[in-house]
Amino acid sequence: MKRKNKILHLGALTLTTGLYLTVATDAVAQNARNCGPREIVVDRLADGYGETRQSMGLGANNSVVEVFASDASGTWTITITSPNGVTCLVASGQAFEPLVEALPAKGNDA
């Protein structure tokens, strides 16, 4: 009975390891497709989607977070650029609307 349990555990471990490696490989491949030199990524967003930078800010580890959008099509993309110049697409979507909102009055948590 002990030998049978060991074989079952070894089989489960092998299956789990194979599944993990498959998922990890897919994640690395997907990340490689979603990242590139900043100049190329920005050009592709402009040429392919008509998107221009709408806002930017400094993120964790000195990365630059930018929002690109197209007023004509309403598409938008959020990117993160690391200090080494590699830009990755984080999210994208449709129905972008620029907002110009006044800050809430002091003491109002709005």
C-alpha atoms as a PDB file:
ATOM      1  CA  MET A   1       0.000   0.000   0.000  1.00  0.00           C
ATOM      2  CA  LYS A   2       2.851   2.386   0.769  1.00  0.00           C
ATOM      3  CA  ARG A   3       4.399   1.797  -2.652  1.00  0.00           C
ATOM      4  CA  LYS A   4       1.085   2.562  -4.362  1.00  0.00           C
ATOM      5  CA  ASN A   5       0.769   5.839  -2.415  1.00  0.00           C
ATOM      6  CA  LYS A   6       4.309   6.834  -3.359  1.00  0.00           C
ATOM      7  CA  ILE A   7       3.583   6.188  -7.039  1.00  0.00           C
ATOM      8  CA  LEU A   8       0.363   8.226  -6.826  1.00  0.00           C
ATOM      9  CA  HIS A   9       2.188  11.111  -5.096  1.00  0.00           C
ATOM     10  CA  LEU A  10       4.989  11.002  -7.654  1.00  0.00           C
ATOM     11  CA  GLY A  11       2.449  11.035 -10.506  1.00  0.00           C
ATOM     12  CA  ALA A  12       0.565  13.963  -8.967  1.00  0.00           C
ATOM     13  CA  LEU A  13       3.812  15.864  -8.415  1.00  0.00           C
ATOM     14  CA  THR A  14       4.893  15.248 -12.015  1.00  0.00           C
ATOM     15  CA  LEU A  15       1.520  16.384 -13.351  1.00  0.00           C
ATOM     16  CA  THR A  16       1.535  19.499 -11.174  1.00  0.00           C
ATOM     17  CA  THR A  17       5.088  20.382 -12.197  1.00  0.00           C
ATOM     18  CA  GLY A  18       4.237  19.954 -15.879  1.00  0.00           C
ATOM     19  CA  LEU A  19       1.148  22.143 -15.526  1.00  0.00           C
ATOM     20  CA  TYR A  20       3.140  24.806 -13.661  1.00  0.00           C
ATOM     21  CA  LEU A  21       5.849  24.855 -16.341  1.00  0.00           C
ATOM     22  CA  THR A  22       3.231  25.156 -19.084  1.00  0.00           C
ATOM     23  CA  VAL A  23       1.510  28.085 -17.354  1.00  0.00           C
ATOM     24  CA  ALA A  24       4.825  29.793 -16.522  1.00  0.00           C
ATOM     25  CA  THR A  25       6.036  29.418 -20.105  1.00  0.00           C
ATOM     26  CA  ASP A  26       2.772  30.885 -21.435  1.00  0.00           C
ATOM     27  CA  ALA A  27       3.071  33.828 -19.019  1.00  0.00           C
ATOM     28  CA  VAL A  28       6.655  34.547 -20.093  1.00  0.00           C
ATOM     29  CA  ALA A  29       5.689  34.334 -23.764  1.00  0.00           C
ATOM     30  CA  GLN A  30       2.738  36.648 -23.209  1.00  0.00           C
ATOM     31  CA  ASN A  31       4.912  39.161 -21.338  1.00  0.00           C
ATOM     32  CA  ALA A  32       7.452  39.099 -24.158  1.00  0.00           C
ATOM     33  CA  ARG A  33       4.695  39.923 -26.675  1.00  0.00           C
ATOM     34  CA  ASN A  34       3.390  42.807 -24.551  1.00  0.00           C
ATOM     35  CA  CYS A  35       6.727  44.573 -24.025  1.00  0.00           C
ATOM     36  CA  GLY A  36       9.264  46.300 -26.208  1.00  0.00           C
ATOM     37  CA  PRO A  37      11.444  49.381 -26.615  1.00  0.00           C
ATOM     38  CA  ARG A  38       9.405  52.470 -25.684  1.00  0.00           C
ATOM     39  CA  GLU A  39       9.823  54.188 -29.052  1.00  0.00           C
ATOM     40  CA  ILE A  40       8.438  51.176 -30.923  1.00  0.00           C
ATOM     41  CA  VAL A  41       5.488  50.719 -28.543  1.00  0.00           C
ATOM     42  CA  VAL A  42       4.536  54.422 -28.689  1.00  0.00           C
ATOM     43  CA  ASP A  43       4.826  54.452 -32.492  1.00  0.00           C
ATOM     44  CA  ARG A  44       2.622  51.361 -32.745  1.00  0.00           C
ATOM     45  CA  LEU A  45      -0.031  52.907 -30.490  1.00  0.00           C
ATOM     46  CA  ALA A  46       0.001  56.089 -32.610  1.00  0.00           C
ATOM     47  CA  ASP A  47       0.104  54.446 -36.038  1.00  0.00           C
ATOM     48  CA  GLY A  48      -2.167  51.483 -35.319  1.00  0.00           C
ATOM     49  CA  TYR A  49      -4.726  53.045 -33.002  1.00  0.00           C
ATOM     50  CA  GLY A  50      -4.303  56.825 -33.259  1.00  0.00           C
ATOM     51  CA  GLU A  51      -3.508  56.963 -29.550  1.00  0.00           C
ATOM     52  CA  THR A  52      -1.502  59.784 -27.988  1.00  0.00           C
ATOM     53  CA  ARG A  53      -0.328  60.250 -24.410  1.00  0.00           C
ATOM     54  CA  GLN A  54      -3.080  61.673 -22.235  1.00  0.00           C
ATOM     55  CA  SER A  55      -1.452  61.468 -18.805  1.00  0.00           C
ATOM     56  CA  MET A  56       1.586  60.115 -17.001  1.00  0.00           C
ATOM     57  CA  GLY A  57       2.966  59.566 -13.514  1.00  0.00           C
ATOM     58  CA  LEU A  58       5.807  57.985 -11.588  1.00  0.00           C
ATOM     59  CA  GLY A  59       5.115  54.457 -10.384  1.00  0.00           C
ATOM     60  CA  ALA A  60       6.914  51.944  -8.169  1.00  0.00           C
ATOM     61  CA  ASN A  61      10.637  51.372  -8.703  1.00  0.00           C
ATOM     62  CA  ASN A  62      10.932  54.599 -10.764  1.00  0.00           C
ATOM     63  CA  SER A  63       8.745  53.220 -13.538  1.00  0.00           C
ATOM     64  CA  VAL A  64       6.708  55.629 -15.647  1.00  0.00           C
ATOM     65  CA  VAL A  65       2.989  54.908 -15.977  1.00  0.00           C
ATOM     66  CA  GLU A  66       1.287  56.436 -19.022  1.00  0.00           C
ATOM     67  CA  VAL A  67      -2.231  56.496 -20.426  1.00  0.00           C
ATOM     68  CA  PHE A  68      -2.569  56.713 -24.205  1.00  0.00           C
ATOM     69  CA  ALA A  69      -5.935  57.253 -25.882  1.00  0.00           C
ATOM     70  CA  SER A  70      -7.598  58.213 -29.142  1.00  0.00           C
ATOM     71  CA  ASP A  71     -10.322  60.856 -29.175  1.00  0.00           C
ATOM     72  CA  ALA A  72     -11.444  59.597 -32.596  1.00  0.00           C
ATOM     73  CA  SER A  73     -11.879  55.891 -31.808  1.00  0.00           C
ATOM     74  CA  GLY A  74     -12.158  55.977 -28.013  1.00  0.00           C
ATOM     75  CA  THR A  75      -9.499  53.270 -27.555  1.00  0.00           C
ATOM     76  CA  TRP A  76      -7.083  53.563 -24.640  1.00  0.00           C
ATOM     77  CA  THR A  77      -3.934  51.810 -23.405  1.00  0.00           C
ATOM     78  CA  ILE A  78      -2.054  51.928 -20.102  1.00  0.00           C
ATOM     79  CA  THR A  79       1.694  51.306 -20.255  1.00  0.00           C
ATOM     80  CA  ILE A  80       4.532  51.020 -17.761  1.00  0.00           C
ATOM     81  CA  THR A  81       8.074  51.903 -18.778  1.00  0.00           C
ATOM     82  CA  SER A  82      10.914  50.623 -16.611  1.00  0.00           C
ATOM     83  CA  PRO A  83      14.099  52.656 -16.076  1.00  0.00           C
ATOM     84  CA  ASN A  84      15.873  50.510 -18.711  1.00  0.00           C
ATOM     85  CA  GLY A  85      13.473  51.789 -21.414  1.00  0.00           C
ATOM     86  CA  VAL A  86      11.321  48.686 -21.824  1.00  0.00           C
ATOM     87  CA  THR A  87       7.630  49.531 -22.133  1.00  0.00           C
ATOM     88  CA  CYS A  88       4.921  46.981 -21.316  1.00  0.00           C
ATOM     89  CA  LEU A  89       1.218  47.133 -22.079  1.00  0.00           C
ATOM     90  CA  VAL A  90      -0.760  46.758 -18.864  1.00  0.00           C
ATOM     91  CA  ALA A  91      -4.367  47.259 -19.948  1.00  0.00           C
ATOM     92  CA  SER A  92      -6.396  48.491 -22.888  1.00  0.00           C
ATOM     93  CA  GLY A  93      -9.996  49.111 -23.735  1.00  0.00           C
ATOM     94  CA  GLN A  94     -12.608  51.271 -25.397  1.00  0.00           C
ATOM     95  CA  ALA A  95     -14.892  54.223 -24.644  1.00  0.00           C
ATOM     96  CA  PHE A  96     -12.177  56.553 -23.338  1.00  0.00           C
ATOM     97  CA  GLU A  97     -13.499  59.867 -22.059  1.00  0.00           C
ATOM     98  CA  PRO A  98     -11.205  62.646 -20.841  1.00  0.00           C
ATOM     99  CA  LEU A  99     -12.382  64.221 -17.609  1.00  0.00           C
ATOM    100  CA  VAL A 100     -11.644  67.645 -16.261  1.00  0.00           C
ATOM    101  CA  GLU A 101     -12.908  67.698 -12.720  1.00  0.00           C
ATOM    102  CA  ALA A 102     -12.281  70.274 -10.056  1.00  0.00           C
ATOM    103  CA  LEU A 103     -10.802  69.077  -6.788  1.00  0.00           C
ATOM    104  CA  PRO A 104     -13.330  68.728  -3.961  1.00  0.00           C
ATOM    105  CA  ALA A 105     -13.491  71.558  -1.459  1.00  0.00           C
ATOM    106  CA  LYS A 106     -11.201  71.219   1.565  1.00  0.00           C
ATOM    107  CA  GLY A 107     -12.827  69.081   4.235  1.00  0.00           C
ATOM    108  CA  ASN A 108     -15.192  67.468   1.725  1.00  0.00           C
ATOM    109  CA  ASP A 109     -14.303  63.792   1.150  1.00  0.00           C
ATOM    110  CA  ALA A 110     -16.347  63.710  -2.069  1.00  0.00           C
END
